C-alpha cells in the first residue's frame, strides 16, 4: 500500500451531499467556470481572493497575482510573507 494517495482524474458531485464521481477534465473545468461565473454574478468580482505562499518562487507568486487581477478581476491578493 502506498503511503499517499493522489487523484488521477477529477471528481465531481451531482448535487450537494452526493457522492463524488469521476468526471472528464472538460466537465470539471466547465463546472469550475460555471461556479466562478455564478459567484461573480451574485457577489461581484471582489468575491474572489488569492492567498499565495511565501515559500513559493517569485514566478509562482507573480502568476498567482496576475491570475487574480487579469482572470478573476480581483485585487484581493495576500500572502504569508510577513510570518
C-alpha atoms as a PDB file:
ATOM      1  CA  UNK A   1       0.000   0.000   0.000  1.00  0.00           C
ATOM      2  CA  UNK A   2       1.277   3.446  -0.926  1.00  0.00           C
ATOM      3  CA  UNK A   3       1.862   5.916   1.931  1.00  0.00           C
ATOM      4  CA  UNK A   4      -0.097   8.554  -0.015  1.00  0.00           C
ATOM      5  CA  UNK A   5      -2.943   8.622  -2.472  1.00  0.00           C
ATOM      6  CA  UNK A   6      -3.194  11.017  -5.381  1.00  0.00           C
ATOM      7  CA  UNK A   7      -6.134  11.751  -7.582  1.00  0.00           C
ATOM      8  CA  UNK A   8      -5.665  10.622 -11.144  1.00  0.00           C
ATOM      9  CA  UNK A   9      -8.796  12.265 -12.525  1.00  0.00           C
ATOM     10  CA  UNK A  10     -11.270  14.976 -11.497  1.00  0.00           C
ATOM     11  CA  UNK A  11     -14.115  14.113  -9.145  1.00  0.00           C
ATOM     12  CA  UNK A  12     -17.463  15.972  -9.089  1.00  0.00           C
ATOM     13  CA  UNK A  13     -20.723  15.878  -7.159  1.00  0.00           C
ATOM     14  CA  UNK A  14     -24.044  15.929  -8.993  1.00  0.00           C
ATOM     15  CA  UNK A  15     -25.797  17.581  -6.051  1.00  0.00           C
ATOM     16  CA  UNK A  16     -24.937  18.763  -2.556  1.00  0.00           C
ATOM     17  CA  UNK A  17     -24.183  15.828  -0.285  1.00  0.00           C
ATOM     18  CA  UNK A  18     -23.960  13.323  -3.141  1.00  0.00           C
ATOM     19  CA  UNK A  19     -21.007  11.004  -3.515  1.00  0.00           C
ATOM     20  CA  UNK A  20     -18.074  12.062  -5.664  1.00  0.00           C
ATOM     21  CA  UNK A  21     -17.897  10.505  -9.109  1.00  0.00           C
ATOM     22  CA  UNK A  22     -15.177  10.521 -11.761  1.00  0.00           C
ATOM     23  CA  UNK A  23     -15.540  13.163 -14.477  1.00  0.00           C
ATOM     24  CA  UNK A  24     -13.686  14.259 -17.576  1.00  0.00           C
ATOM     25  CA  UNK A  25     -11.378  17.266 -17.399  1.00  0.00           C
ATOM     26  CA  UNK A  26     -13.715  19.165 -19.722  1.00  0.00           C
ATOM     27  CA  UNK A  27     -16.706  18.570 -17.453  1.00  0.00           C
ATOM     28  CA  UNK A  28     -14.758  19.505 -14.316  1.00  0.00           C
ATOM     29  CA  UNK A  29     -13.390  22.713 -15.854  1.00  0.00           C
ATOM     30  CA  UNK A  30     -16.817  23.653 -17.243  1.00  0.00           C
ATOM     31  CA  UNK A  31     -18.294  23.238 -13.756  1.00  0.00           C
ATOM     32  CA  UNK A  32     -15.493  25.352 -12.288  1.00  0.00           C
ATOM     33  CA  UNK A  33     -16.116  28.146 -14.781  1.00  0.00           C
ATOM     34  CA  UNK A  34     -19.864  27.981 -14.122  1.00  0.00           C
ATOM     35  CA  UNK A  35     -19.255  28.210 -10.371  1.00  0.00           C
ATOM     36  CA  UNK A  36     -16.903  31.196 -10.755  1.00  0.00           C
ATOM     37  CA  UNK A  37     -19.429  32.930 -13.018  1.00  0.00           C
ATOM     38  CA  UNK A  38     -22.284  32.295 -10.574  1.00  0.00           C
ATOM     39  CA  UNK A  39     -20.255  33.674  -7.652  1.00  0.00           C
ATOM     40  CA  UNK A  40     -19.213  36.816  -9.501  1.00  0.00           C
ATOM     41  CA  UNK A  41     -22.754  37.391 -10.774  1.00  0.00           C
ATOM     42  CA  UNK A  42     -24.166  37.081  -7.263  1.00  0.00           C
ATOM     43  CA  UNK A  43     -21.419  38.896  -5.339  1.00  0.00           C
ATOM     44  CA  UNK A  44     -19.286  40.877  -7.796  1.00  0.00           C
ATOM     45  CA  UNK A  45     -15.690  40.467  -8.887  1.00  0.00           C
ATOM     46  CA  UNK A  46     -14.324  41.177  -5.428  1.00  0.00           C
ATOM     47  CA  UNK A  47     -15.919  37.972  -4.106  1.00  0.00           C
ATOM     48  CA  UNK A  48     -12.707  36.139  -5.028  1.00  0.00           C
ATOM     49  CA  UNK A  49      -9.310  36.386  -3.469  1.00  0.00           C
ATOM     50  CA  UNK A  50      -5.976  34.671  -3.793  1.00  0.00           C
ATOM     51  CA  UNK A  51      -3.684  33.658  -0.958  1.00  0.00           C
ATOM     52  CA  UNK A  52      -0.143  32.894  -2.000  1.00  0.00           C
ATOM     53  CA  UNK A  53       2.653  31.190  -0.109  1.00  0.00           C
ATOM     54  CA  UNK A  54       5.926  32.805   0.868  1.00  0.00           C
ATOM     55  CA  UNK A  55       7.730  29.525   0.156  1.00  0.00           C
ATOM     56  CA  UNK A  56       6.718  29.701  -3.498  1.00  0.00           C
ATOM     57  CA  UNK A  57       9.038  31.176  -6.048  1.00  0.00           C
ATOM     58  CA  UNK A  58       8.685  34.782  -7.167  1.00  0.00           C
ATOM     59  CA  UNK A  59       7.473  33.470 -10.515  1.00  0.00           C
ATOM     60  CA  UNK A  60       4.673  31.433  -8.923  1.00  0.00           C
ATOM     61  CA  UNK A  61       3.615  34.372  -6.732  1.00  0.00           C
ATOM     62  CA  UNK A  62       3.657  36.656  -9.775  1.00  0.00           C
ATOM     63  CA  UNK A  63       1.490  34.189 -11.714  1.00  0.00           C
ATOM     64  CA  UNK A  64      -0.950  33.992  -8.786  1.00  0.00           C
ATOM     65  CA  UNK A  65      -1.377  37.765  -8.564  1.00  0.00           C
ATOM     66  CA  UNK A  66      -1.634  38.037 -12.357  1.00  0.00           C
ATOM     67  CA  UNK A  67      -4.353  35.356 -12.357  1.00  0.00           C
ATOM     68  CA  UNK A  68      -6.247  37.163  -9.590  1.00  0.00           C
ATOM     69  CA  UNK A  69      -6.121  40.514 -11.373  1.00  0.00           C
ATOM     70  CA  UNK A  70      -6.408  39.544 -15.041  1.00  0.00           C
ATOM     71  CA  UNK A  71      -8.630  36.460 -14.894  1.00  0.00           C
ATOM     72  CA  UNK A  72     -10.677  36.821 -11.713  1.00  0.00           C
ATOM     73  CA  UNK A  73     -10.798  40.621 -11.834  1.00  0.00           C
ATOM     74  CA  UNK A  74      -9.960  40.883  -8.137  1.00  0.00           C
ATOM     75  CA  UNK A  75      -7.342  42.889  -6.275  1.00  0.00           C
ATOM     76  CA  UNK A  76      -7.818  40.705  -3.190  1.00  0.00           C
ATOM     77  CA  UNK A  77      -4.348  39.184  -3.015  1.00  0.00           C
ATOM     78  CA  UNK A  78      -2.441  38.296   0.133  1.00  0.00           C
ATOM     79  CA  UNK A  79       0.455  36.124   1.180  1.00  0.00           C
ATOM     80  CA  UNK A  80       2.049  34.894   4.379  1.00  0.00           C
ATOM     81  CA  UNK A  81       5.316  36.735   3.666  1.00  0.00           C
ATOM     82  CA  UNK A  82       5.092  38.626   6.930  1.00  0.00           C
ATOM     83  CA  UNK A  83       5.455  35.490   9.083  1.00  0.00           C
END
